[in-house]
Amino acid sequence: MHNANFGTLENPKPAPYQFSETDDGFEAETRVPIRNPQAGHRVTGTTEPITERHLVNRYYLPFSRRFGCSYPASGIDHIIYNCATPIDDERMMLVQWLYRNDSEDSCSTSELIAWDAAITAEDRDILEATDADACVDTARKVEFHMPSDKPGLVIRKQSLDLLRAHGEEEVHRGSSLRKVPV
């Protein structure tokens, strides 16, 4: 929810979005009001206390994402690409880069790095609190889901399909049989 940055406690319900699955991922689009603290004024390009983000999120199998964030009030486009590379069963490396359509004078690189680092740190806290053995195969029925989980469920389904297309299956702690690739 990013309460330390731009989230709004008075509006905790996820915004509805348009969602379309693709052969290698998905695209999700929404508009959402966000809190605009002083630290975000140069990032968003406006000093309004609440502003709007137009989000176009694209995911590409197996581990890449394009997070398009536009601020209609200022015309700023804040586009993040990230790739999460698994290292082992419990660790990954995240590589992220950012493109914007403004100038260094409008918002410095150091301001942008600090802004996105705080957001990434909140995301990391959530990921590190998640069981590394979370199920990929949702047919195991070990979780309950709500509509905002749809992107993650599509990623899981497509990842499992990709594994199976290469003769693999999900291996989890509860497995009594472990398939070894030949």
Foldseek 3Di string as FASTA:
>chain_A
DPPVAWADPVDPDDFDWDKDADLFAIKIWDKDKTAQDPLRCLVLVHPPRIFMWTWIWTDGPPFKIWIWIATVVHRKIKIKIWGWADPDLQDTDIDMDIDIDDDCVSPNPVSVCVNVVSVVVVVVVVSNVDDSQPDLPCVVVPDDDDPVCVRVNSNSVSVQVVQVVVVAHRDGPPDPDHDDDD
